[in-house]
Amino acid sequence: MTRKISVFELRSSGDVDSVNLFLKLHPQAKLSYTGSDQCSFSALVIADYEDDEENDEMEVTEHD
């Protein structure tokens, strides 16, 4: 398995829908959430997860 991280900027309800769809595809993901008054986005959601691809060796080779 390969550890992956995806980051979502939440600016609208459509962005929340994107995170919800991601969670349907990767229910094992652990989410962390951060917000800032100094940035243009409302919040960041960081998803930390492992893929469940059967052929991880092939996948790692493709990314190199």
N, C-alpha and C. Protein backbone atom coordinates (compact mmCIF):
# COMPACT_ATOMS: atom_id res chain seq x y z
N MET A 1 0.83 -1.18 0.00
CA MET A 1 0.00 0.00 0.00
C MET A 1 0.87 1.24 0.00
N THR A 2 0.35 2.30 -0.57
CA THR A 2 1.06 3.56 -0.66
C THR A 2 0.30 4.62 0.13
N ARG A 3 1.01 5.35 0.98
CA ARG A 3 0.38 6.42 1.74
C ARG A 3 0.22 7.63 0.83
N LYS A 4 -0.97 8.23 0.87
CA LYS A 4 -1.25 9.39 0.04
C LYS A 4 -1.87 10.48 0.88
N ILE A 5 -1.73 11.70 0.43
CA ILE A 5 -2.36 12.84 1.08
C ILE A 5 -3.04 13.68 0.01
N SER A 6 -4.29 14.03 0.24
CA SER A 6 -5.03 14.93 -0.64
C SER A 6 -5.44 16.14 0.17
N VAL A 7 -5.40 17.31 -0.46
CA VAL A 7 -5.76 18.55 0.20
C VAL A 7 -6.91 19.19 -0.55
N PHE A 8 -7.93 19.61 0.19
CA PHE A 8 -9.09 20.26 -0.39
C PHE A 8 -9.23 21.65 0.20
N GLU A 9 -9.40 22.67 -0.65
CA GLU A 9 -9.70 24.02 -0.18
C GLU A 9 -11.22 24.16 -0.17
N LEU A 10 -11.75 24.52 0.97
CA LEU A 10 -13.20 24.67 1.08
C LEU A 10 -13.56 26.15 0.93
N ARG A 11 -14.26 26.45 -0.16
CA ARG A 11 -14.70 27.82 -0.41
C ARG A 11 -16.21 27.89 -0.60
N SER A 12 -16.82 26.74 -0.88
CA SER A 12 -18.26 26.73 -1.17
C SER A 12 -18.84 25.36 -0.83
N SER A 13 -20.15 25.26 -0.93
CA SER A 13 -20.79 23.96 -0.67
C SER A 13 -20.37 22.93 -1.71
N GLY A 14 -20.04 23.35 -2.91
CA GLY A 14 -19.54 22.42 -3.93
C GLY A 14 -18.24 21.77 -3.52
N ASP A 15 -17.39 22.54 -2.82
CA ASP A 15 -16.13 21.97 -2.33
C ASP A 15 -16.38 20.94 -1.25
N VAL A 16 -17.39 21.19 -0.40
CA VAL A 16 -17.76 20.21 0.62
C VAL A 16 -18.26 18.94 -0.05
N ASP A 17 -19.02 19.08 -1.13
CA ASP A 17 -19.49 17.92 -1.88
C ASP A 17 -18.32 17.10 -2.42
N SER A 18 -17.27 17.78 -2.86
CA SER A 18 -16.08 17.08 -3.37
C SER A 18 -15.42 16.24 -2.27
N VAL A 19 -15.34 16.80 -1.07
CA VAL A 19 -14.77 16.05 0.06
C VAL A 19 -15.65 14.85 0.39
N ASN A 20 -16.95 15.05 0.39
CA ASN A 20 -17.87 13.94 0.69
C ASN A 20 -17.74 12.83 -0.34
N LEU A 21 -17.59 13.17 -1.62
CA LEU A 21 -17.39 12.17 -2.66
C LEU A 21 -16.07 11.43 -2.44
N PHE A 22 -15.03 12.18 -2.10
CA PHE A 22 -13.74 11.56 -1.82
C PHE A 22 -13.87 10.55 -0.69
N LEU A 23 -14.61 10.91 0.37
CA LEU A 23 -14.77 10.00 1.51
C LEU A 23 -15.55 8.75 1.14
N LYS A 24 -16.46 8.84 0.19
CA LYS A 24 -17.16 7.65 -0.28
C LYS A 24 -16.19 6.70 -0.97
N LEU A 25 -15.22 7.26 -1.68
CA LEU A 25 -14.23 6.45 -2.39
C LEU A 25 -13.11 5.96 -1.48
N HIS A 26 -12.83 6.70 -0.40
CA HIS A 26 -11.73 6.37 0.52
C HIS A 26 -12.23 6.51 1.96
N PRO A 27 -13.11 5.62 2.40
CA PRO A 27 -13.69 5.75 3.74
C PRO A 27 -12.67 5.60 4.87
N GLN A 28 -11.50 5.06 4.58
CA GLN A 28 -10.48 4.87 5.60
C GLN A 28 -9.64 6.13 5.82
N ALA A 29 -9.87 7.17 5.04
CA ALA A 29 -9.07 8.39 5.15
C ALA A 29 -9.27 9.06 6.50
N LYS A 30 -8.18 9.58 7.04
CA LYS A 30 -8.22 10.35 8.26
C LYS A 30 -8.14 11.83 7.87
N LEU A 31 -9.10 12.61 8.34
CA LEU A 31 -9.15 14.01 7.96
C LEU A 31 -8.64 14.92 9.06
N SER A 32 -7.92 15.96 8.67
CA SER A 32 -7.62 17.04 9.59
C SER A 32 -8.11 18.32 8.93
N TYR A 33 -8.39 19.32 9.73
CA TYR A 33 -9.10 20.49 9.26
C TYR A 33 -8.43 21.73 9.85
N THR A 34 -8.19 22.72 9.00
CA THR A 34 -7.58 23.94 9.49
C THR A 34 -8.21 25.15 8.81
N GLY A 35 -8.30 26.24 9.48
CA GLY A 35 -8.84 27.46 8.92
C GLY A 35 -7.92 28.62 9.24
N SER A 36 -8.06 29.70 8.47
CA SER A 36 -7.21 30.86 8.71
C SER A 36 -7.94 32.13 8.28
N ASP A 37 -7.84 33.15 9.09
CA ASP A 37 -8.44 34.45 8.75
C ASP A 37 -7.61 35.20 7.72
N GLN A 38 -6.36 34.81 7.53
CA GLN A 38 -5.45 35.53 6.66
C GLN A 38 -5.43 35.00 5.23
N CYS A 39 -6.17 33.93 4.95
CA CYS A 39 -6.15 33.31 3.62
C CYS A 39 -7.49 33.50 2.92
N SER A 40 -7.48 33.29 1.62
CA SER A 40 -8.69 33.49 0.83
C SER A 40 -9.66 32.33 0.92
N PHE A 41 -9.22 31.18 1.41
CA PHE A 41 -10.12 30.04 1.54
C PHE A 41 -10.76 30.01 2.92
N SER A 42 -11.87 29.32 3.02
CA SER A 42 -12.55 29.21 4.31
C SER A 42 -11.86 28.19 5.21
N ALA A 43 -11.36 27.12 4.62
CA ALA A 43 -10.70 26.08 5.39
C ALA A 43 -9.95 25.15 4.45
N LEU A 44 -9.04 24.42 5.02
CA LEU A 44 -8.35 23.34 4.31
C LEU A 44 -8.70 22.04 4.98
N VAL A 45 -9.00 21.02 4.18
CA VAL A 45 -9.18 19.67 4.69
C VAL A 45 -8.04 18.84 4.12
N ILE A 46 -7.32 18.17 5.00
CA ILE A 46 -6.20 17.33 4.59
C ILE A 46 -6.58 15.89 4.86
N ALA A 47 -6.59 15.07 3.81
CA ALA A 47 -6.96 13.66 3.91
C ALA A 47 -5.71 12.81 3.82
N ASP A 48 -5.47 12.02 4.82
CA ASP A 48 -4.32 11.12 4.88
C ASP A 48 -4.86 9.70 4.76
N TYR A 49 -4.43 8.97 3.74
CA TYR A 49 -4.99 7.64 3.50
C TYR A 49 -3.99 6.76 2.78
N GLU A 50 -4.28 5.47 2.74
CA GLU A 50 -3.49 4.52 1.97
C GLU A 50 -4.36 3.96 0.87
N ASP A 51 -3.78 3.84 -0.32
CA ASP A 51 -4.55 3.24 -1.40
C ASP A 51 -4.62 1.73 -1.18
N ASP A 52 -5.54 1.09 -1.85
CA ASP A 52 -5.66 -0.37 -1.70
C ASP A 52 -5.47 -1.06 -3.04
N GLU A 53 -4.60 -0.48 -3.85
CA GLU A 53 -4.29 -1.07 -5.14
C GLU A 53 -3.58 -2.40 -4.92
N GLU A 54 -3.90 -3.37 -5.74
CA GLU A 54 -3.26 -4.68 -5.60
C GLU A 54 -1.82 -4.67 -6.08
N ASN A 55 -1.54 -3.90 -7.12
CA ASN A 55 -0.21 -3.91 -7.71
C ASN A 55 0.55 -2.64 -7.34
N ASP A 56 0.99 -2.55 -6.10
CA ASP A 56 1.67 -1.35 -5.62
C ASP A 56 3.03 -1.14 -6.27
N GLU A 57 3.74 -2.22 -6.58
CA GLU A 57 5.05 -2.06 -7.22
C GLU A 57 4.92 -1.32 -8.53
N MET A 58 3.92 -1.68 -9.31
CA MET A 58 3.68 -1.04 -10.59
C MET A 58 3.34 0.43 -10.39
N GLU A 59 2.53 0.72 -9.40
CA GLU A 59 2.09 2.08 -9.14
C GLU A 59 3.28 2.96 -8.73
N VAL A 60 4.15 2.46 -7.87
CA VAL A 60 5.31 3.23 -7.43
C VAL A 60 6.22 3.49 -8.62
N THR A 61 6.41 2.52 -9.47
CA THR A 61 7.26 2.68 -10.66
C THR A 61 6.71 3.75 -11.58
N GLU A 62 5.40 3.80 -11.73
CA GLU A 62 4.78 4.77 -12.63
C GLU A 62 4.98 6.20 -12.14
N HIS A 63 5.09 6.42 -10.84
CA HIS A 63 5.23 7.77 -10.30
C HIS A 63 6.66 8.26 -10.30
N ASP A 64 7.61 7.38 -10.46
CA ASP A 64 9.03 7.79 -10.43
C ASP A 64 9.47 8.41 -11.73
